[in-house]
Amino acid sequence: MLSLLLAWLANTSVMPLLVGGAIGAASKRVLRPCVGRLRRQVAWAALAALLVHLALVGSGLLRDGAMLDYASVLAAAVAASVLACMRGAR
């Protein structure tokens, strides 16, 4: 049972981590006055995307790979990037 859970977690975590990391890396260039570090931007965006994805898919509200799943991952990654950029400016 634990091996099934770990296999599901590994399979479902790839997309949000990659998309969140890419959004975080791109946001460093897009958000020009951003003074935060690139590693922090990528980490926060990837973590936010993963947590939102796991919450929505794990609770059964959305299916893995649904269009709203992708939209929520993108929105979480963008919001986390903006917040990380704003926190870096302080």
PDB file of N, CA and C in Angstrom:
ATOM      1  N   MET A   1       0.817  -1.187   0.000  1.00  0.00           N
ATOM      2  CA  MET A   1       0.000   0.000   0.000  1.00  0.00           C
ATOM      3  C   MET A   1       0.870   1.264   0.000  1.00  0.00           C
ATOM      4  N   LEU A   2       1.922   1.249   0.799  1.00  0.00           N
ATOM      5  CA  LEU A   2       2.816   2.399   0.857  1.00  0.00           C
ATOM      6  C   LEU A   2       3.545   2.586  -0.464  1.00  0.00           C
ATOM      7  N   SER A   3       3.897   1.481  -1.118  1.00  0.00           N
ATOM      8  CA  SER A   3       4.587   1.598  -2.399  1.00  0.00           C
ATOM      9  C   SER A   3       3.682   2.213  -3.465  1.00  0.00           C
ATOM     10  N   LEU A   4       2.390   1.928  -3.415  1.00  0.00           N
ATOM     11  CA  LEU A   4       1.454   2.552  -4.345  1.00  0.00           C
ATOM     12  C   LEU A   4       1.345   4.052  -4.096  1.00  0.00           C
ATOM     13  N   LEU A   5       1.298   4.439  -2.846  1.00  0.00           N
ATOM     14  CA  LEU A   5       1.230   5.855  -2.509  1.00  0.00           C
ATOM     15  C   LEU A   5       2.486   6.585  -2.968  1.00  0.00           C
ATOM     16  N   LEU A   6       3.639   5.992  -2.724  1.00  0.00           N
ATOM     17  CA  LEU A   6       4.888   6.635  -3.126  1.00  0.00           C
ATOM     18  C   LEU A   6       5.023   6.705  -4.647  1.00  0.00           C
ATOM     19  N   ALA A   7       4.570   5.664  -5.345  1.00  0.00           N
ATOM     20  CA  ALA A   7       4.612   5.684  -6.804  1.00  0.00           C
ATOM     21  C   ALA A   7       3.685   6.767  -7.348  1.00  0.00           C
ATOM     22  N   TRP A   8       2.484   6.892  -6.787  1.00  0.00           N
ATOM     23  CA  TRP A   8       1.558   7.937  -7.216  1.00  0.00           C
ATOM     24  C   TRP A   8       2.139   9.314  -6.937  1.00  0.00           C
ATOM     25  N   LEU A   9       2.735   9.489  -5.766  1.00  0.00           N
ATOM     26  CA  LEU A   9       3.310  10.778  -5.398  1.00  0.00           C
ATOM     27  C   LEU A   9       4.447  11.154  -6.334  1.00  0.00           C
ATOM     28  N   ALA A  10       5.288  10.201  -6.682  1.00  0.00           N
ATOM     29  CA  ALA A  10       6.394  10.485  -7.597  1.00  0.00           C
ATOM     30  C   ALA A  10       5.881  10.825  -8.992  1.00  0.00           C
ATOM     31  N   ASN A  11       4.875  10.110  -9.462  1.00  0.00           N
ATOM     32  CA  ASN A  11       4.351  10.367 -10.802  1.00  0.00           C
ATOM     33  C   ASN A  11       3.610  11.688 -10.900  1.00  0.00           C
ATOM     34  N   THR A  12       2.872  12.036  -9.885  1.00  0.00           N
ATOM     35  CA  THR A  12       2.061  13.250  -9.949  1.00  0.00           C
ATOM     36  C   THR A  12       2.852  14.502  -9.588  1.00  0.00           C
ATOM     37  N   SER A  13       4.038  14.358  -9.033  1.00  0.00           N
ATOM     38  CA  SER A  13       4.810  15.516  -8.602  1.00  0.00           C
ATOM     39  C   SER A  13       5.696  16.103  -9.691  1.00  0.00           C
ATOM     40  N   VAL A  14       5.883  15.399 -10.772  1.00  0.00           N
ATOM     41  CA  VAL A  14       6.811  15.860 -11.799  1.00  0.00           C
ATOM     42  C   VAL A  14       6.301  17.131 -12.477  1.00  0.00           C
ATOM     43  N   MET A  15       5.069  17.128 -12.930  1.00  0.00           N
ATOM     44  CA  MET A  15       4.534  18.271 -13.661  1.00  0.00           C
ATOM     45  C   MET A  15       4.529  19.559 -12.835  1.00  0.00           C
ATOM     46  N   PRO A  16       4.002  19.566 -11.613  1.00  0.00           N
ATOM     47  CA  PRO A  16       4.000  20.839 -10.881  1.00  0.00           C
ATOM     48  C   PRO A  16       5.391  21.336 -10.533  1.00  0.00           C
ATOM     49  N   LEU A  17       6.313  20.429 -10.255  1.00  0.00           N
ATOM     50  CA  LEU A  17       7.668  20.869  -9.932  1.00  0.00           C
ATOM     51  C   LEU A  17       8.352  21.495 -11.145  1.00  0.00           C
ATOM     52  N   LEU A  18       8.192  20.881 -12.306  1.00  0.00           N
ATOM     53  CA  LEU A  18       8.812  21.437 -13.510  1.00  0.00           C
ATOM     54  C   LEU A  18       8.151  22.743 -13.937  1.00  0.00           C
ATOM     55  N   VAL A  19       6.837  22.771 -13.937  1.00  0.00           N
ATOM     56  CA  VAL A  19       6.124  23.991 -14.337  1.00  0.00           C
ATOM     57  C   VAL A  19       6.385  25.115 -13.333  1.00  0.00           C
ATOM     58  N   GLY A  20       6.315  24.807 -12.057  1.00  0.00           N
ATOM     59  CA  GLY A  20       6.578  25.824 -11.041  1.00  0.00           C
ATOM     60  C   GLY A  20       8.006  26.340 -11.096  1.00  0.00           C
ATOM     61  N   GLY A  21       8.955  25.443 -11.308  1.00  0.00           N
ATOM     62  CA  GLY A  21      10.354  25.870 -11.422  1.00  0.00           C
ATOM     63  C   GLY A  21      10.582  26.740 -12.644  1.00  0.00           C
ATOM     64  N   ALA A  22       9.959  26.386 -13.761  1.00  0.00           N
ATOM     65  CA  ALA A  22      10.101  27.188 -14.978  1.00  0.00           C
ATOM     66  C   ALA A  22       9.465  28.564 -14.821  1.00  0.00           C
ATOM     67  N   ILE A  23       8.308  28.615 -14.179  1.00  0.00           N
ATOM     68  CA  ILE A  23       7.648  29.909 -13.928  1.00  0.00           C
ATOM     69  C   ILE A  23       8.515  30.756 -13.000  1.00  0.00           C
ATOM     70  N   GLY A  24       9.061  30.141 -11.976  1.00  0.00           N
ATOM     71  CA  GLY A  24       9.923  30.877 -11.049  1.00  0.00           C
ATOM     72  C   GLY A  24      11.170  31.414 -11.721  1.00  0.00           C
ATOM     73  N   ALA A  25      11.759  30.623 -12.612  1.00  0.00           N
ATOM     74  CA  ALA A  25      12.954  31.076 -13.322  1.00  0.00           C
ATOM     75  C   ALA A  25      12.621  32.189 -14.310  1.00  0.00           C
ATOM     76  N   ALA A  26      11.498  32.055 -14.986  1.00  0.00           N
ATOM     77  CA  ALA A  26      11.100  33.088 -15.957  1.00  0.00           C
ATOM     78  C   ALA A  26      10.660  34.372 -15.267  1.00  0.00           C
ATOM     79  N   SER A  27      10.119  34.254 -14.070  1.00  0.00           N
ATOM     80  CA  SER A  27       9.626  35.451 -13.386  1.00  0.00           C
ATOM     81  C   SER A  27      10.763  36.382 -12.984  1.00  0.00           C
ATOM     82  N   LYS A  28      11.938  35.842 -12.839  1.00  0.00           N
ATOM     83  CA  LYS A  28      13.092  36.687 -12.508  1.00  0.00           C
ATOM     84  C   LYS A  28      13.351  37.705 -13.623  1.00  0.00           C
ATOM     85  N   ARG A  29      13.125  37.287 -14.871  1.00  0.00           N
ATOM     86  CA  ARG A  29      13.305  38.193 -16.007  1.00  0.00           C
ATOM     87  C   ARG A  29      12.073  39.072 -16.234  1.00  0.00           C
ATOM     88  N   VAL A  30      10.896  38.507 -16.019  1.00  0.00           N
ATOM     89  CA  VAL A  30       9.656  39.240 -16.317  1.00  0.00           C
ATOM     90  C   VAL A  30       9.407  40.332 -15.281  1.00  0.00           C
ATOM     91  N   LEU A  31       9.609  40.020 -14.028  1.00  0.00           N
ATOM     92  CA  LEU A  31       9.401  40.996 -12.953  1.00  0.00           C
ATOM     93  C   LEU A  31      10.695  41.781 -12.767  1.00  0.00           C
ATOM     94  N   ARG A  32      10.890  42.777 -13.551  1.00  0.00           N
ATOM     95  CA  ARG A  32      12.163  43.495 -13.620  1.00  0.00           C
ATOM     96  C   ARG A  32      12.676  44.066 -12.303  1.00  0.00           C
ATOM     97  N   PRO A  33      11.891  44.739 -11.509  1.00  0.00           N
ATOM     98  CA  PRO A  33      12.477  45.286 -10.283  1.00  0.00           C
ATOM     99  C   PRO A  33      12.702  44.223  -9.202  1.00  0.00           C
ATOM    100  N   CYS A  34      12.616  42.966  -9.557  1.00  0.00           N
ATOM    101  CA  CYS A  34      12.763  41.891  -8.578  1.00  0.00           C
ATOM    102  C   CYS A  34      14.224  41.766  -8.152  1.00  0.00           C
ATOM    103  N   VAL A  35      14.453  41.834  -6.856  1.00  0.00           N
ATOM    104  CA  VAL A  35      15.809  41.716  -6.348  1.00  0.00           C
ATOM    105  C   VAL A  35      16.044  40.402  -5.621  1.00  0.00           C
ATOM    106  N   GLY A  36      15.033  39.532  -5.624  1.00  0.00           N
ATOM    107  CA  GLY A  36      15.174  38.240  -4.957  1.00  0.00           C
ATOM    108  C   GLY A  36      16.146  37.336  -5.697  1.00  0.00           C
ATOM    109  N   ARG A  37      16.604  36.310  -5.030  1.00  0.00           N
ATOM    110  CA  ARG A  37      17.522  35.360  -5.647  1.00  0.00           C
ATOM    111  C   ARG A  37      16.774  34.375  -6.526  1.00  0.00           C
ATOM    112  N   LEU A  38      17.439  33.940  -7.580  1.00  0.00           N
ATOM    113  CA  LEU A  38      16.816  33.027  -8.542  1.00  0.00           C
ATOM    114  C   LEU A  38      16.449  31.709  -7.885  1.00  0.00           C
ATOM    115  N   ARG A  39      17.305  31.182  -7.061  1.00  0.00           N
ATOM    116  CA  ARG A  39      17.035  29.908  -6.395  1.00  0.00           C
ATOM    117  C   ARG A  39      15.791  29.997  -5.517  1.00  0.00           C
ATOM    118  N   ARG A  40      15.639  31.114  -4.836  1.00  0.00           N
ATOM    119  CA  ARG A  40      14.466  31.305  -3.979  1.00  0.00           C
ATOM    120  C   ARG A  40      13.189  31.420  -4.816  1.00  0.00           C
ATOM    121  N   GLN A  41      13.272  32.124  -5.936  1.00  0.00           N
ATOM    122  CA  GLN A  41      12.116  32.252  -6.833  1.00  0.00           C
ATOM    123  C   GLN A  41      11.667  30.878  -7.327  1.00  0.00           C
ATOM    124  N   VAL A  42      12.628  30.095  -7.791  1.00  0.00           N
ATOM    125  CA  VAL A  42      12.312  28.765  -8.336  1.00  0.00           C
ATOM    126  C   VAL A  42      11.749  27.861  -7.249  1.00  0.00           C
ATOM    127  N   ALA A  43      12.358  27.889  -6.073  1.00  0.00           N
ATOM    128  CA  ALA A  43      11.922  27.007  -4.988  1.00  0.00           C
ATOM    129  C   ALA A  43      10.506  27.341  -4.520  1.00  0.00           C
ATOM    130  N   TRP A  44      10.221  28.617  -4.332  1.00  0.00           N
ATOM    131  CA  TRP A  44       8.897  29.006  -3.854  1.00  0.00           C
ATOM    132  C   TRP A  44       7.818  28.701  -4.879  1.00  0.00           C
ATOM    133  N   ALA A  45       8.113  28.963  -6.154  1.00  0.00           N
ATOM    134  CA  ALA A  45       7.121  28.703  -7.200  1.00  0.00           C
ATOM    135  C   ALA A  45       6.859  27.204  -7.337  1.00  0.00           C
ATOM    136  N   ALA A  46       7.919  26.400  -7.302  1.00  0.00           N
ATOM    137  CA  ALA A  46       7.751  24.951  -7.426  1.00  0.00           C
ATOM    138  C   ALA A  46       7.011  24.378  -6.221  1.00  0.00           C
ATOM    139  N   LEU A  47       7.334  24.849  -5.029  1.00  0.00           N
ATOM    140  CA  LEU A  47       6.668  24.353  -3.827  1.00  0.00           C
ATOM    141  C   LEU A  47       5.186  24.723  -3.814  1.00  0.00           C
ATOM    142  N   ALA A  48       4.868  25.952  -4.189  1.00  0.00           N
ATOM    143  CA  ALA A  48       3.457  26.375  -4.220  1.00  0.00           C
ATOM    144  C   ALA A  48       2.673  25.580  -5.253  1.00  0.00           C
ATOM    145  N   ALA A  49       3.270  25.376  -6.421  1.00  0.00           N
ATOM    146  CA  ALA A  49       2.589  24.609  -7.463  1.00  0.00           C
ATOM    147  C   ALA A  49       2.354  23.171  -7.016  1.00  0.00           C
ATOM    148  N   LEU A  50       3.353  22.580  -6.372  1.00  0.00           N
ATOM    149  CA  LEU A  50       3.218  21.203  -5.903  1.00  0.00           C
ATOM    150  C   LEU A  50       2.149  21.082  -4.817  1.00  0.00           C
ATOM    151  N   LEU A  51       2.138  21.987  -3.868  1.00  0.00           N
ATOM    152  CA  LEU A  51       1.156  21.909  -2.782  1.00  0.00           C
ATOM    153  C   LEU A  51      -0.266  22.091  -3.287  1.00  0.00           C
ATOM    154  N   VAL A  52      -0.469  23.021  -4.206  1.00  0.00           N
ATOM    155  CA  VAL A  52      -1.809  23.218  -4.760  1.00  0.00           C
ATOM    156  C   VAL A  52      -2.236  21.992  -5.555  1.00  0.00           C
ATOM    157  N   HIS A  53      -1.326  21.464  -6.350  1.00  0.00           N
ATOM    158  CA  HIS A  53      -1.632  20.280  -7.149  1.00  0.00           C
ATOM    159  C   HIS A  53      -1.981  19.088  -6.259  1.00  0.00           C
ATOM    160  N   LEU A  54      -1.174  18.841  -5.246  1.00  0.00           N
ATOM    161  CA  LEU A  54      -1.437  17.702  -4.360  1.00  0.00           C
ATOM    162  C   LEU A  54      -2.730  17.890  -3.571  1.00  0.00           C
ATOM    163  N   ALA A  55      -3.028  19.125  -3.189  1.00  0.00           N
ATOM    164  CA  ALA A  55      -4.268  19.370  -2.449  1.00  0.00           C
ATOM    165  C   ALA A  55      -5.491  19.129  -3.334  1.00  0.00           C
ATOM    166  N   LEU A  56      -5.451  19.610  -4.556  1.00  0.00           N
ATOM    167  CA  LEU A  56      -6.615  19.472  -5.431  1.00  0.00           C
ATOM    168  C   LEU A  56      -6.776  18.056  -5.971  1.00  0.00           C
ATOM    169  N   VAL A  57      -5.681  17.446  -6.379  1.00  0.00           N
ATOM    170  CA  VAL A  57      -5.765  16.091  -6.939  1.00  0.00           C
ATOM    171  C   VAL A  57      -5.903  15.057  -5.823  1.00  0.00           C
ATOM    172  N   GLY A  58      -5.167  15.254  -4.750  1.00  0.00           N
ATOM    173  CA  GLY A  58      -5.221  14.307  -3.642  1.00  0.00           C
ATOM    174  C   GLY A  58      -6.572  14.286  -2.944  1.00  0.00           C
ATOM    175  N   SER A  59      -7.257  15.426  -2.914  1.00  0.00           N
ATOM    176  CA  SER A  59      -8.577  15.463  -2.276  1.00  0.00           C
ATOM    177  C   SER A  59      -9.676  14.942  -3.193  1.00  0.00           C
ATOM    178  N   GLY A  60      -9.372  14.816  -4.471  1.00  0.00           N
ATOM    179  CA  GLY A  60     -10.360  14.320  -5.415  1.00  0.00           C
ATOM    180  C   GLY A  60     -11.183  15.401  -6.079  1.00  0.00           C
ATOM    181  N   LEU A  61     -10.871  16.672  -5.824  1.00  0.00           N
ATOM    182  CA  LEU A  61     -11.617  17.752  -6.466  1.00  0.00           C
ATOM    183  C   LEU A  61     -11.352  17.808  -7.972  1.00  0.00           C
ATOM    184  N   LEU A  62     -10.118  17.533  -8.362  1.00  0.00           N
ATOM    185  CA  LEU A  62      -9.743  17.542  -9.771  1.00  0.00           C
ATOM    186  C   LEU A  62      -9.018  16.244 -10.114  1.00  0.00           C
ATOM    187  N   ARG A  63      -9.116  15.876 -11.378  1.00  0.00           N
ATOM    188  CA  ARG A  63      -8.364  14.714 -11.851  1.00  0.00           C
ATOM    189  C   ARG A  63      -6.973  15.160 -12.258  1.00  0.00           C
ATOM    190  N   ASP A  64      -6.020  14.270 -12.147  1.00  0.00           N
ATOM    191  CA  ASP A  64      -4.658  14.567 -12.550  1.00  0.00           C
ATOM    192  C   ASP A  64      -4.624  14.799 -14.056  1.00  0.00           C
ATOM    193  N   GLY A  65      -4.130  15.944 -14.465  1.00  0.00           N
ATOM    194  CA  GLY A  65      -4.057  16.269 -15.874  1.00  0.00           C
ATOM    195  C   GLY A  65      -5.238  17.056 -16.398  1.00  0.00           C
ATOM    196  N   ALA A  66      -6.171  17.410 -15.546  1.00  0.00           N
ATOM    197  CA  ALA A  66      -7.323  18.203 -15.990  1.00  0.00           C
ATOM    198  C   ALA A  66      -6.879  19.633 -16.284  1.00  0.00           C
ATOM    199  N   MET A  67      -7.636  20.300 -17.118  1.00  0.00           N
ATOM    200  CA  MET A  67      -7.285  21.661 -17.511  1.00  0.00           C
ATOM    201  C   MET A  67      -7.273  22.602 -16.305  1.00  0.00           C
ATOM    202  N   LEU A  68      -8.217  22.444 -15.397  1.00  0.00           N
ATOM    203  CA  LEU A  68      -8.224  23.276 -14.189  1.00  0.00           C
ATOM    204  C   LEU A  68      -7.048  22.957 -13.271  1.00  0.00           C
ATOM    205  N   ASP A  69      -6.558  21.736 -13.338  1.00  0.00           N
ATOM    206  CA  ASP A  69      -5.370  21.364 -12.579  1.00  0.00           C
ATOM    207  C   ASP A  69      -4.171  22.156 -13.079  1.00  0.00           C
ATOM    208  N   TYR A  70      -3.997  22.198 -14.396  1.00  0.00           N
ATOM    209  CA  TYR A  70      -2.896  22.968 -14.975  1.00  0.00           C
ATOM    210  C   TYR A  70      -3.037  24.455 -14.687  1.00  0.00           C
ATOM    211  N   ALA A  71      -4.258  24.964 -14.781  1.00  0.00           N
ATOM    212  CA  ALA A  71      -4.491  26.380 -14.515  1.00  0.00           C
ATOM    213  C   ALA A  71      -4.187  26.733 -13.058  1.00  0.00           C
ATOM    214  N   SER A  72      -4.573  25.861 -12.135  1.00  0.00           N
ATOM    215  CA  SER A  72      -4.303  26.141 -10.722  1.00  0.00           C
ATOM    216  C   SER A  72      -2.812  26.064 -10.417  1.00  0.00           C
ATOM    217  N   VAL A  73      -2.108  25.149 -11.065  1.00  0.00           N
ATOM    218  CA  VAL A  73      -0.651  25.058 -10.884  1.00  0.00           C
ATOM    219  C   VAL A  73       0.014  26.329 -11.401  1.00  0.00           C
ATOM    220  N   LEU A  74      -0.383  26.793 -12.567  1.00  0.00           N
ATOM    221  CA  LEU A  74       0.184  28.027 -13.115  1.00  0.00           C
ATOM    222  C   LEU A  74      -0.116  29.222 -12.224  1.00  0.00           C
ATOM    223  N   ALA A  75      -1.356  29.333 -11.761  1.00  0.00           N
ATOM    224  CA  ALA A  75      -1.724  30.466 -10.907  1.00  0.00           C
ATOM    225  C   ALA A  75      -0.958  30.452  -9.591  1.00  0.00           C
ATOM    226  N   ALA A  76      -0.798  29.287  -9.004  1.00  0.00           N
ATOM    227  CA  ALA A  76      -0.055  29.192  -7.741  1.00  0.00           C
ATOM    228  C   ALA A  76       1.411  29.542  -7.938  1.00  0.00           C
ATOM    229  N   ALA A  77       1.990  29.096  -9.044  1.00  0.00           N
ATOM    230  CA  ALA A  77       3.400  29.385  -9.310  1.00  0.00           C
ATOM    231  C   ALA A  77       3.627  30.876  -9.556  1.00  0.00           C
ATOM    232  N   VAL A  78       2.731  31.499 -10.300  1.00  0.00           N
ATOM    233  CA  VAL A  78       2.861  32.934 -10.564  1.00  0.00           C
ATOM    234  C   VAL A  78       2.678  33.731  -9.271  1.00  0.00           C
ATOM    235  N   ALA A  79       1.687  33.372  -8.480  1.00  0.00           N
ATOM    236  CA  ALA A  79       1.455  34.084  -7.217  1.00  0.00           C
ATOM    237  C   ALA A  79       2.635  33.932  -6.265  1.00  0.00           C
ATOM    238  N   ALA A  80       3.186  32.739  -6.185  1.00  0.00           N
ATOM    239  CA  ALA A  80       4.345  32.528  -5.306  1.00  0.00           C
ATOM    240  C   ALA A  80       5.562  33.290  -5.810  1.00  0.00           C
ATOM    241  N   SER A  81       5.731  33.370  -7.122  1.00  0.00           N
ATOM    242  CA  SER A  81       6.860  34.125  -7.675  1.00  0.00           C
ATOM    243  C   SER A  81       6.742  35.609  -7.366  1.00  0.00           C
ATOM    244  N   VAL A  82       5.536  36.137  -7.509  1.00  0.00           N
ATOM    245  CA  VAL A  82       5.326  37.555  -7.209  1.00  0.00           C
ATOM    246  C   VAL A  82       5.563  37.819  -5.726  1.00  0.00           C
ATOM    247  N   LEU A  83       5.058  36.948  -4.868  1.00  0.00           N
ATOM    248  CA  LEU A  83       5.273  37.141  -3.426  1.00  0.00           C
ATOM    249  C   LEU A  83       6.745  36.999  -3.045  1.00  0.00           C
ATOM    250  N   ALA A  84       7.436  36.048  -3.646  1.00  0.00           N
ATOM    251  CA  ALA A  84       8.861  35.892  -3.350  1.00  0.00           C
ATOM    252  C   ALA A  84       9.646  37.105  -3.828  1.00  0.00           C
ATOM    253  N   CYS A  85       9.242  37.672  -4.932  1.00  0.00           N
ATOM    254  CA  CYS A  85       9.900  38.872  -5.446  1.00  0.00           C
ATOM    255  C   CYS A  85       9.641  40.063  -4.528  1.00  0.00           C
ATOM    256  N   MET A  86       8.403  40.190  -4.064  1.00  0.00           N
ATOM    257  CA  MET A  86       8.070  41.293  -3.173  1.00  0.00           C
ATOM    258  C   MET A  86       8.774  41.147  -1.827  1.00  0.00           C
ATOM    259  N   ARG A  87       8.890  39.912  -1.343  1.00  0.00           N
ATOM    260  CA  ARG A  87       9.570  39.695  -0.059  1.00  0.00           C
ATOM    261  C   ARG A  87      11.065  39.937  -0.184  1.00  0.00           C
ATOM    262  N   GLY A  88      11.627  39.696  -1.360  1.00  0.00           N
ATOM    263  CA  GLY A  88      13.045  39.948  -1.561  1.00  0.00           C
ATOM    264  C   GLY A  88      13.378  41.425  -1.616  1.00  0.00           C
ATOM    265  N   ALA A  89      12.387  42.252  -1.950  1.00  0.00           N
ATOM    266  CA  ALA A  89      12.606  43.693  -2.047  1.00  0.00           C
ATOM    267  C   ALA A  89      12.662  44.359  -0.682  1.00  0.00           C
ATOM    268  N   ARG A  90      12.160  43.678   0.350  1.00  0.00           N
ATOM    269  CA  ARG A  90      12.172  44.286   1.688  1.00  0.00           C
ATOM    270  C   ARG A  90      13.539  44.309   2.269  1.00  0.00           C
TER     271      ARG A  90
END
